[in-house]
């Protein structure tokens, strides 16, 4: 296989029980001949630690049915602490134990992820009515500074990137990990972005969908449940931006990224 630039996103569901050894072994093998970047999730772990600290977490639901964390400043601080200070470092240590030169970053470092704070959020209240609330410290990636990530990758380092963006006012923002991975892959002109989750890919009608074009994926979005829908949207964004393949696959199998790149037991979304 020719050398590739690959962005891997590991879902938070795969980190609840600890760092997956099989994935770390796979990244070790792949890093010997490819440039890799790893983006991670971890929302459930954030909730666990926030609860330990006595900070009750509030979740809101959009009119489209999308559930998200309402992030005030205290929650943003806990989110940043857990994502970059705990989970990223666990991944770095696991990779270092295998001889991989890993470096942890957030979107704050070098403005890797520049975001814009959502001033207001339209959500559903307890009575099913649409209401506007303060947006808190959540946002969406608007631009990616790939110079730091590319510098690291081209010199044999594997960046482990936490999904925290820097706002226009230099505040930390909670951003979606799947969309962050898509944005990084797109800006870095990656050959592939691989979304690792706790299922084998997109299931429709009880069967795994092996391949979709961007147009097919967009058309079928209404059929897809919320958790997978976000990954499909992120995959479509990457494919539209020129990433050759966006792959959704299980992170629990042996050599999960290698299997995904070989199109074994996964869903592949591409521009064609």
C-alpha atoms as a PDB file:
ATOM      1  CA  UNK A   1       0.000   0.000   0.000  1.00  0.00           C
ATOM      2  CA  UNK A   2       1.322   3.432  -0.934  1.00  0.00           C
ATOM      3  CA  UNK A   3       1.895   5.926   1.859  1.00  0.00           C
ATOM      4  CA  UNK A   4      -1.319   7.675   2.839  1.00  0.00           C
ATOM      5  CA  UNK A   5      -2.432  10.529   5.063  1.00  0.00           C
ATOM      6  CA  UNK A   6      -5.204   9.204   7.315  1.00  0.00           C
ATOM      7  CA  UNK A   7      -7.331  10.888   9.967  1.00  0.00           C
ATOM      8  CA  UNK A   8      -8.866   8.453  12.467  1.00  0.00           C
ATOM      9  CA  UNK A   9     -11.759   9.376  14.780  1.00  0.00           C
ATOM     10  CA  UNK A  10     -12.296   7.138  17.816  1.00  0.00           C
ATOM     11  CA  UNK A  11     -15.735   7.454  19.335  1.00  0.00           C
ATOM     12  CA  UNK A  12     -16.137   8.038  23.049  1.00  0.00           C
ATOM     13  CA  UNK A  13     -18.117   4.803  23.406  1.00  0.00           C
ATOM     14  CA  UNK A  14     -14.902   2.899  22.676  1.00  0.00           C
ATOM     15  CA  UNK A  15     -12.996   4.707  25.437  1.00  0.00           C
ATOM     16  CA  UNK A  16     -15.396   4.118  28.336  1.00  0.00           C
ATOM     17  CA  UNK A  17     -13.756   0.787  29.201  1.00  0.00           C
ATOM     18  CA  UNK A  18     -10.208   2.063  28.589  1.00  0.00           C
ATOM     19  CA  UNK A  19      -7.964   2.489  25.572  1.00  0.00           C
ATOM     20  CA  UNK A  20      -8.540  -0.337  23.007  1.00  0.00           C
ATOM     21  CA  UNK A  21      -5.280  -2.281  22.726  1.00  0.00           C
ATOM     22  CA  UNK A  22      -6.114  -3.666  19.277  1.00  0.00           C
ATOM     23  CA  UNK A  23      -6.598  -0.186  17.865  1.00  0.00           C
ATOM     24  CA  UNK A  24      -3.328   1.044  19.360  1.00  0.00           C
ATOM     25  CA  UNK A  25      -1.479  -1.930  17.857  1.00  0.00           C
ATOM     26  CA  UNK A  26      -3.078  -1.190  14.500  1.00  0.00           C
ATOM     27  CA  UNK A  27      -2.106   2.488  14.631  1.00  0.00           C
ATOM     28  CA  UNK A  28       1.444   1.452  15.481  1.00  0.00           C
ATOM     29  CA  UNK A  29       1.636  -0.710  12.336  1.00  0.00           C
ATOM     30  CA  UNK A  30       0.009   1.904  10.113  1.00  0.00           C
ATOM     31  CA  UNK A  31       2.201   4.723  11.416  1.00  0.00           C
ATOM     32  CA  UNK A  32       5.322   2.971  10.117  1.00  0.00           C
ATOM     33  CA  UNK A  33       4.427   3.801   6.513  1.00  0.00           C
ATOM     34  CA  UNK A  34       1.664   6.431   6.703  1.00  0.00           C
ATOM     35  CA  UNK A  35       0.988   9.854   8.187  1.00  0.00           C
ATOM     36  CA  UNK A  36      -1.710   9.581  10.868  1.00  0.00           C
ATOM     37  CA  UNK A  37      -3.733  11.926  13.033  1.00  0.00           C
ATOM     38  CA  UNK A  38      -6.143  10.730  15.729  1.00  0.00           C
ATOM     39  CA  UNK A  39      -9.210  12.698  16.848  1.00  0.00           C
ATOM     40  CA  UNK A  40     -11.099  11.362  19.867  1.00  0.00           C
ATOM     41  CA  UNK A  41     -14.492  11.702  21.506  1.00  0.00           C
ATOM     42  CA  UNK A  42     -15.472  11.091  25.117  1.00  0.00           C
ATOM     43  CA  UNK A  43     -18.733  12.804  26.041  1.00  0.00           C
ATOM     44  CA  UNK A  44     -19.788  10.060  28.459  1.00  0.00           C
ATOM     45  CA  UNK A  45     -16.495  10.368  30.328  1.00  0.00           C
ATOM     46  CA  UNK A  46     -16.968  14.141  30.546  1.00  0.00           C
ATOM     47  CA  UNK A  47     -20.403  13.562  32.084  1.00  0.00           C
ATOM     48  CA  UNK A  48     -18.955  11.068  34.579  1.00  0.00           C
ATOM     49  CA  UNK A  49     -16.264  13.463  35.791  1.00  0.00           C
ATOM     50  CA  UNK A  50     -18.601  16.453  35.846  1.00  0.00           C
ATOM     51  CA  UNK A  51     -20.919  14.462  38.104  1.00  0.00           C
ATOM     52  CA  UNK A  52     -18.017  13.571  40.384  1.00  0.00           C
ATOM     53  CA  UNK A  53     -17.211  17.276  40.642  1.00  0.00           C
ATOM     54  CA  UNK A  54     -20.817  18.087  41.535  1.00  0.00           C
ATOM     55  CA  UNK A  55     -21.582  19.843  38.251  1.00  0.00           C
ATOM     56  CA  UNK A  56     -24.948  18.695  36.955  1.00  0.00           C
ATOM     57  CA  UNK A  57     -24.967  18.324  33.177  1.00  0.00           C
ATOM     58  CA  UNK A  58     -27.794  19.734  31.118  1.00  0.00           C
ATOM     59  CA  UNK A  59     -28.716  18.271  27.747  1.00  0.00           C
ATOM     60  CA  UNK A  60     -30.983  19.925  25.206  1.00  0.00           C
ATOM     61  CA  UNK A  61     -32.811  18.630  22.128  1.00  0.00           C
ATOM     62  CA  UNK A  62     -33.090  20.578  18.881  1.00  0.00           C
ATOM     63  CA  UNK A  63     -36.310  20.661  16.797  1.00  0.00           C
ATOM     64  CA  UNK A  64     -34.635  18.049  14.554  1.00  0.00           C
ATOM     65  CA  UNK A  65     -34.246  15.718  17.527  1.00  0.00           C
ATOM     66  CA  UNK A  66     -30.493  16.228  17.967  1.00  0.00           C
ATOM     67  CA  UNK A  67     -29.444  15.900  21.623  1.00  0.00           C
ATOM     68  CA  UNK A  68     -26.449  17.926  22.787  1.00  0.00           C
ATOM     69  CA  UNK A  69     -24.722  19.119  25.943  1.00  0.00           C
ATOM     70  CA  UNK A  70     -25.523  22.659  27.031  1.00  0.00           C
ATOM     71  CA  UNK A  71     -22.071  24.020  27.835  1.00  0.00           C
ATOM     72  CA  UNK A  72     -21.724  26.904  30.270  1.00  0.00           C
ATOM     73  CA  UNK A  73     -18.235  28.159  31.162  1.00  0.00           C
ATOM     74  CA  UNK A  74     -17.774  25.754  34.090  1.00  0.00           C
ATOM     75  CA  UNK A  75     -18.808  22.830  31.896  1.00  0.00           C
ATOM     76  CA  UNK A  76     -16.474  24.071  29.124  1.00  0.00           C
ATOM     77  CA  UNK A  77     -13.601  23.993  31.605  1.00  0.00           C
ATOM     78  CA  UNK A  78     -14.473  20.451  32.747  1.00  0.00           C
ATOM     79  CA  UNK A  79     -14.929  19.370  29.120  1.00  0.00           C
ATOM     80  CA  UNK A  80     -11.494  20.719  28.172  1.00  0.00           C
ATOM     81  CA  UNK A  81      -9.884  19.198  31.266  1.00  0.00           C
ATOM     82  CA  UNK A  82     -11.286  15.700  30.659  1.00  0.00           C
ATOM     83  CA  UNK A  83     -10.807  15.676  26.897  1.00  0.00           C
ATOM     84  CA  UNK A  84      -7.289  17.099  26.706  1.00  0.00           C
ATOM     85  CA  UNK A  85      -5.961  16.425  30.204  1.00  0.00           C
ATOM     86  CA  UNK A  86      -7.198  12.866  30.668  1.00  0.00           C
ATOM     87  CA  UNK A  87      -8.407  11.074  27.544  1.00  0.00           C
ATOM     88  CA  UNK A  88      -5.838  12.518  25.132  1.00  0.00           C
ATOM     89  CA  UNK A  89      -3.006  11.726  27.542  1.00  0.00           C
ATOM     90  CA  UNK A  90      -4.230   8.142  27.987  1.00  0.00           C
ATOM     91  CA  UNK A  91      -4.118   7.718  24.214  1.00  0.00           C
ATOM     92  CA  UNK A  92      -0.675   9.309  24.020  1.00  0.00           C
ATOM     93  CA  UNK A  93       0.660   6.992  26.740  1.00  0.00           C
ATOM     94  CA  UNK A  94      -0.785   3.914  25.009  1.00  0.00           C
ATOM     95  CA  UNK A  95       0.850   4.932  21.718  1.00  0.00           C
ATOM     96  CA  UNK A  96       4.168   5.828  23.372  1.00  0.00           C
ATOM     97  CA  UNK A  97       4.184   2.372  24.996  1.00  0.00           C
ATOM     98  CA  UNK A  98       4.227   0.954  21.472  1.00  0.00           C
ATOM     99  CA  UNK A  99       7.033   3.209  20.288  1.00  0.00           C
ATOM    100  CA  UNK A 100       4.802   5.725  18.479  1.00  0.00           C
ATOM    101  CA  UNK A 101       5.839   9.367  18.897  1.00  0.00           C
ATOM    102  CA  UNK A 102       2.428  10.779  19.830  1.00  0.00           C
ATOM    103  CA  UNK A 103       1.686  14.401  20.737  1.00  0.00           C
ATOM    104  CA  UNK A 104      -1.613  15.650  22.180  1.00  0.00           C
ATOM    105  CA  UNK A 105      -3.225  18.844  20.897  1.00  0.00           C
ATOM    106  CA  UNK A 106      -6.516  20.619  21.265  1.00  0.00           C
ATOM    107  CA  UNK A 107      -8.076  22.955  18.754  1.00  0.00           C
ATOM    108  CA  UNK A 108      -6.799  25.744  21.012  1.00  0.00           C
ATOM    109  CA  UNK A 109      -3.147  24.920  20.230  1.00  0.00           C
ATOM    110  CA  UNK A 110      -1.968  26.861  17.218  1.00  0.00           C
ATOM    111  CA  UNK A 111      -5.649  27.533  16.441  1.00  0.00           C
ATOM    112  CA  UNK A 112      -5.927  24.059  14.949  1.00  0.00           C
ATOM    113  CA  UNK A 113      -9.727  24.403  15.201  1.00  0.00           C
ATOM    114  CA  UNK A 114     -11.051  27.937  14.884  1.00  0.00           C
ATOM    115  CA  UNK A 115     -14.740  27.994  15.766  1.00  0.00           C
ATOM    116  CA  UNK A 116     -17.576  30.433  16.201  1.00  0.00           C
ATOM    117  CA  UNK A 117     -19.636  30.417  19.358  1.00  0.00           C
ATOM    118  CA  UNK A 118     -23.338  29.764  18.928  1.00  0.00           C
ATOM    119  CA  UNK A 119     -24.936  32.781  20.593  1.00  0.00           C
ATOM    120  CA  UNK A 120     -28.413  31.241  20.708  1.00  0.00           C
ATOM    121  CA  UNK A 121     -29.783  27.717  20.460  1.00  0.00           C
ATOM    122  CA  UNK A 122     -33.267  26.762  19.290  1.00  0.00           C
ATOM    123  CA  UNK A 123     -34.401  23.852  21.469  1.00  0.00           C
ATOM    124  CA  UNK A 124     -37.550  22.064  22.548  1.00  0.00           C
ATOM    125  CA  UNK A 125     -38.836  22.675  26.072  1.00  0.00           C
ATOM    126  CA  UNK A 126     -40.594  20.182  28.349  1.00  0.00           C
ATOM    127  CA  UNK A 127     -43.941  20.968  26.715  1.00  0.00           C
ATOM    128  CA  UNK A 128     -42.633  20.363  23.200  1.00  0.00           C
ATOM    129  CA  UNK A 129     -42.429  24.052  22.325  1.00  0.00           C
ATOM    130  CA  UNK A 130     -39.555  25.690  20.445  1.00  0.00           C
ATOM    131  CA  UNK A 131     -37.628  28.133  22.631  1.00  0.00           C
ATOM    132  CA  UNK A 132     -34.428  30.149  22.207  1.00  0.00           C
ATOM    133  CA  UNK A 133     -31.814  29.772  24.931  1.00  0.00           C
ATOM    134  CA  UNK A 134     -28.291  31.098  25.426  1.00  0.00           C
ATOM    135  CA  UNK A 135     -25.857  29.122  23.280  1.00  0.00           C
ATOM    136  CA  UNK A 136     -23.228  28.767  25.987  1.00  0.00           C
ATOM    137  CA  UNK A 137     -19.797  27.661  24.854  1.00  0.00           C
ATOM    138  CA  UNK A 138     -20.646  25.340  21.981  1.00  0.00           C
ATOM    139  CA  UNK A 139     -19.658  25.997  18.411  1.00  0.00           C
ATOM    140  CA  UNK A 140     -18.858  24.713  14.973  1.00  0.00           C
ATOM    141  CA  UNK A 141     -15.461  24.602  13.280  1.00  0.00           C
ATOM    142  CA  UNK A 142     -15.110  27.421  10.768  1.00  0.00           C
ATOM    143  CA  UNK A 143     -11.479  26.979   9.802  1.00  0.00           C
ATOM    144  CA  UNK A 144      -8.599  24.607  10.431  1.00  0.00           C
ATOM    145  CA  UNK A 145      -4.940  25.529  10.748  1.00  0.00           C
ATOM    146  CA  UNK A 146      -3.238  22.428   9.419  1.00  0.00           C
ATOM    147  CA  UNK A 147       0.333  23.777   9.526  1.00  0.00           C
ATOM    148  CA  UNK A 148       0.990  22.433  13.035  1.00  0.00           C
ATOM    149  CA  UNK A 149      -0.601  19.020  12.413  1.00  0.00           C
ATOM    150  CA  UNK A 150       1.179  18.678   9.056  1.00  0.00           C
ATOM    151  CA  UNK A 151       4.492  19.716  10.627  1.00  0.00           C
ATOM    152  CA  UNK A 152       4.117  17.003  13.246  1.00  0.00           C
ATOM    153  CA  UNK A 153       2.987  14.291  10.822  1.00  0.00           C
ATOM    154  CA  UNK A 154       5.708  15.044   8.288  1.00  0.00           C
ATOM    155  CA  UNK A 155       8.319  14.664  11.028  1.00  0.00           C
ATOM    156  CA  UNK A 156       7.109  11.283  12.254  1.00  0.00           C
ATOM    157  CA  UNK A 157       4.781  12.391  15.055  1.00  0.00           C
ATOM    158  CA  UNK A 158       1.182  11.273  15.503  1.00  0.00           C
ATOM    159  CA  UNK A 159      -1.027  14.148  16.714  1.00  0.00           C
ATOM    160  CA  UNK A 160      -3.850  13.169  19.095  1.00  0.00           C
ATOM    161  CA  UNK A 161      -6.405  15.962  18.754  1.00  0.00           C
ATOM    162  CA  UNK A 162      -9.146  16.751  21.298  1.00  0.00           C
ATOM    163  CA  UNK A 163     -12.376  18.323  19.958  1.00  0.00           C
ATOM    164  CA  UNK A 164     -12.050  21.712  21.646  1.00  0.00           C
ATOM    165  CA  UNK A 165     -12.070  24.772  19.381  1.00  0.00           C
ATOM    166  CA  UNK A 166     -10.947  28.316  20.026  1.00  0.00           C
ATOM    167  CA  UNK A 167     -13.654  30.957  19.586  1.00  0.00           C
ATOM    168  CA  UNK A 168     -13.369  34.366  17.981  1.00  0.00           C
ATOM    169  CA  UNK A 169     -12.953  35.731  21.525  1.00  0.00           C
ATOM    170  CA  UNK A 170     -10.309  33.138  22.494  1.00  0.00           C
ATOM    171  CA  UNK A 171     -12.694  31.010  24.553  1.00  0.00           C
ATOM    172  CA  UNK A 172     -12.803  27.193  24.605  1.00  0.00           C
ATOM    173  CA  UNK A 173     -15.696  25.702  22.636  1.00  0.00           C
ATOM    174  CA  UNK A 174     -17.260  22.256  22.840  1.00  0.00           C
ATOM    175  CA  UNK A 175     -17.387  20.971  19.250  1.00  0.00           C
ATOM    176  CA  UNK A 176     -18.618  17.730  17.725  1.00  0.00           C
ATOM    177  CA  UNK A 177     -15.786  15.203  17.404  1.00  0.00           C
ATOM    178  CA  UNK A 178     -17.004  13.660  14.142  1.00  0.00           C
ATOM    179  CA  UNK A 179     -17.306  17.046  12.448  1.00  0.00           C
ATOM    180  CA  UNK A 180     -13.897  18.020  13.858  1.00  0.00           C
ATOM    181  CA  UNK A 181     -12.296  14.908  12.327  1.00  0.00           C
ATOM    182  CA  UNK A 182     -14.001  15.647   9.022  1.00  0.00           C
ATOM    183  CA  UNK A 183     -12.785  19.252   9.070  1.00  0.00           C
ATOM    184  CA  UNK A 184      -9.204  18.193   9.847  1.00  0.00           C
ATOM    185  CA  UNK A 185      -9.195  15.528   7.129  1.00  0.00           C
ATOM    186  CA  UNK A 186     -10.612  17.979   4.600  1.00  0.00           C
ATOM    187  CA  UNK A 187      -8.187  20.798   5.391  1.00  0.00           C
ATOM    188  CA  UNK A 188      -5.174  18.473   5.532  1.00  0.00           C
ATOM    189  CA  UNK A 189      -6.085  16.896   2.154  1.00  0.00           C
ATOM    190  CA  UNK A 190      -6.174  13.442   3.737  1.00  0.00           C
ATOM    191  CA  UNK A 191      -6.606  10.352   1.603  1.00  0.00           C
ATOM    192  CA  UNK A 192      -9.098   8.871   4.060  1.00  0.00           C
ATOM    193  CA  UNK A 193     -10.971   9.618   7.260  1.00  0.00           C
ATOM    194  CA  UNK A 194     -11.986   6.614   9.366  1.00  0.00           C
ATOM    195  CA  UNK A 195     -14.759   6.903  11.963  1.00  0.00           C
ATOM    196  CA  UNK A 196     -14.455   4.131  14.554  1.00  0.00           C
ATOM    197  CA  UNK A 197     -17.595   3.388  16.527  1.00  0.00           C
ATOM    198  CA  UNK A 198     -19.240   0.543  18.457  1.00  0.00           C
ATOM    199  CA  UNK A 199     -21.065  -0.841  15.394  1.00  0.00           C
ATOM    200  CA  UNK A 200     -19.854  -2.136  12.049  1.00  0.00           C
ATOM    201  CA  UNK A 201     -21.177   0.749   9.969  1.00  0.00           C
ATOM    202  CA  UNK A 202     -24.504   2.008   8.692  1.00  0.00           C
ATOM    203  CA  UNK A 203     -27.292  -0.540   9.152  1.00  0.00           C
ATOM    204  CA  UNK A 204     -30.499  -0.132   7.142  1.00  0.00           C
ATOM    205  CA  UNK A 205     -33.241  -2.762   7.080  1.00  0.00           C
ATOM    206  CA  UNK A 206     -31.116  -4.952   9.328  1.00  0.00           C
ATOM    207  CA  UNK A 207     -28.259  -5.114   6.817  1.00  0.00           C
ATOM    208  CA  UNK A 208     -24.888  -3.384   6.620  1.00  0.00           C
ATOM    209  CA  UNK A 209     -24.678  -0.814   3.810  1.00  0.00           C
ATOM    210  CA  UNK A 210     -21.213  -1.345   2.279  1.00  0.00           C
ATOM    211  CA  UNK A 211     -20.971   1.758   0.088  1.00  0.00           C
ATOM    212  CA  UNK A 212     -22.806   5.017  -0.583  1.00  0.00           C
ATOM    213  CA  UNK A 213     -22.141   7.963  -2.834  1.00  0.00           C
ATOM    214  CA  UNK A 214     -22.417  11.433  -1.331  1.00  0.00           C
ATOM    215  CA  UNK A 215     -25.776  11.926  -3.052  1.00  0.00           C
ATOM    216  CA  UNK A 216     -27.119   8.561  -1.852  1.00  0.00           C
ATOM    217  CA  UNK A 217     -25.988   9.239   1.715  1.00  0.00           C
ATOM    218  CA  UNK A 218     -27.626  12.665   1.715  1.00  0.00           C
ATOM    219  CA  UNK A 219     -30.894  11.289   0.353  1.00  0.00           C
ATOM    220  CA  UNK A 220     -31.039   8.537   2.992  1.00  0.00           C
ATOM    221  CA  UNK A 221     -30.263  10.745   5.998  1.00  0.00           C
ATOM    222  CA  UNK A 222     -33.930  10.836   7.164  1.00  0.00           C
ATOM    223  CA  UNK A 223     -33.853   7.023   7.513  1.00  0.00           C
ATOM    224  CA  UNK A 224     -30.862   7.069   9.860  1.00  0.00           C
ATOM    225  CA  UNK A 225     -30.881   7.341  13.666  1.00  0.00           C
ATOM    226  CA  UNK A 226     -29.306  10.331  15.374  1.00  0.00           C
ATOM    227  CA  UNK A 227     -25.998   8.839  16.518  1.00  0.00           C
ATOM    228  CA  UNK A 228     -25.124   7.403  13.112  1.00  0.00           C
ATOM    229  CA  UNK A 229     -26.659  10.384  11.325  1.00  0.00           C
ATOM    230  CA  UNK A 230     -23.948  12.670  12.697  1.00  0.00           C
ATOM    231  CA  UNK A 231     -21.243  10.354  11.381  1.00  0.00           C
ATOM    232  CA  UNK A 232     -22.871  10.163   7.957  1.00  0.00           C
ATOM    233  CA  UNK A 233     -23.096  13.965   7.832  1.00  0.00           C
ATOM    234  CA  UNK A 234     -19.423  14.273   8.799  1.00  0.00           C
ATOM    235  CA  UNK A 235     -18.456  11.649   6.216  1.00  0.00           C
ATOM    236  CA  UNK A 236     -20.401  13.475   3.495  1.00  0.00           C
ATOM    237  CA  UNK A 237     -18.709  16.763   4.389  1.00  0.00           C
ATOM    238  CA  UNK A 238     -15.283  15.169   4.095  1.00  0.00           C
ATOM    239  CA  UNK A 239     -16.058  13.471   0.767  1.00  0.00           C
ATOM    240  CA  UNK A 240     -17.449  16.715  -0.663  1.00  0.00           C
ATOM    241  CA  UNK A 241     -14.271  18.510   0.390  1.00  0.00           C
ATOM    242  CA  UNK A 242     -12.078  16.113  -1.561  1.00  0.00           C
ATOM    243  CA  UNK A 243     -11.197  13.359   0.919  1.00  0.00           C
ATOM    244  CA  UNK A 244     -11.145  10.232  -1.241  1.00  0.00           C
ATOM    245  CA  UNK A 245     -12.938   7.973   1.229  1.00  0.00           C
ATOM    246  CA  UNK A 246     -14.838   8.381   4.467  1.00  0.00           C
ATOM    247  CA  UNK A 247     -15.147   5.041   6.253  1.00  0.00           C
ATOM    248  CA  UNK A 248     -17.415   4.132   9.179  1.00  0.00           C
ATOM    249  CA  UNK A 249     -16.496   0.901  10.932  1.00  0.00           C
ATOM    250  CA  UNK A 250     -16.262  -0.930  14.231  1.00  0.00           C
ATOM    251  CA  UNK A 251     -13.370  -0.067  16.511  1.00  0.00           C
ATOM    252  CA  UNK A 252     -13.748  -3.319  18.440  1.00  0.00           C
ATOM    253  CA  UNK A 253     -12.462  -5.733  15.798  1.00  0.00           C
ATOM    254  CA  UNK A 254      -8.865  -6.794  15.220  1.00  0.00           C
ATOM    255  CA  UNK A 255      -6.883  -4.169  13.248  1.00  0.00           C
ATOM    256  CA  UNK A 256      -9.955  -1.940  12.864  1.00  0.00           C
ATOM    257  CA  UNK A 257      -8.425   0.839  10.766  1.00  0.00           C
ATOM    258  CA  UNK A 258      -6.621  -1.586   8.481  1.00  0.00           C
ATOM    259  CA  UNK A 259      -9.855  -3.531   7.966  1.00  0.00           C
ATOM    260  CA  UNK A 260     -11.749  -0.319   7.270  1.00  0.00           C
ATOM    261  CA  UNK A 261      -9.193   0.816   4.692  1.00  0.00           C
ATOM    262  CA  UNK A 262      -9.578  -2.623   3.056  1.00  0.00           C
ATOM    263  CA  UNK A 263     -13.389  -2.125   3.013  1.00  0.00           C
ATOM    264  CA  UNK A 264     -14.020  -5.142   5.225  1.00  0.00           C
ATOM    265  CA  UNK A 265     -17.248  -5.015   7.229  1.00  0.00           C
ATOM    266  CA  UNK A 266     -17.767  -1.257   7.019  1.00  0.00           C
ATOM    267  CA  UNK A 267     -19.570   1.560   5.231  1.00  0.00           C
ATOM    268  CA  UNK A 268     -17.600   3.594   2.679  1.00  0.00           C
ATOM    269  CA  UNK A 269     -18.799   7.003   1.494  1.00  0.00           C
ATOM    270  CA  UNK A 270     -17.122   8.651  -1.466  1.00  0.00           C
ATOM    271  CA  UNK A 271     -17.819  11.317  -4.021  1.00  0.00           C
ATOM    272  CA  UNK A 272     -18.637   8.734  -6.676  1.00  0.00           C
END
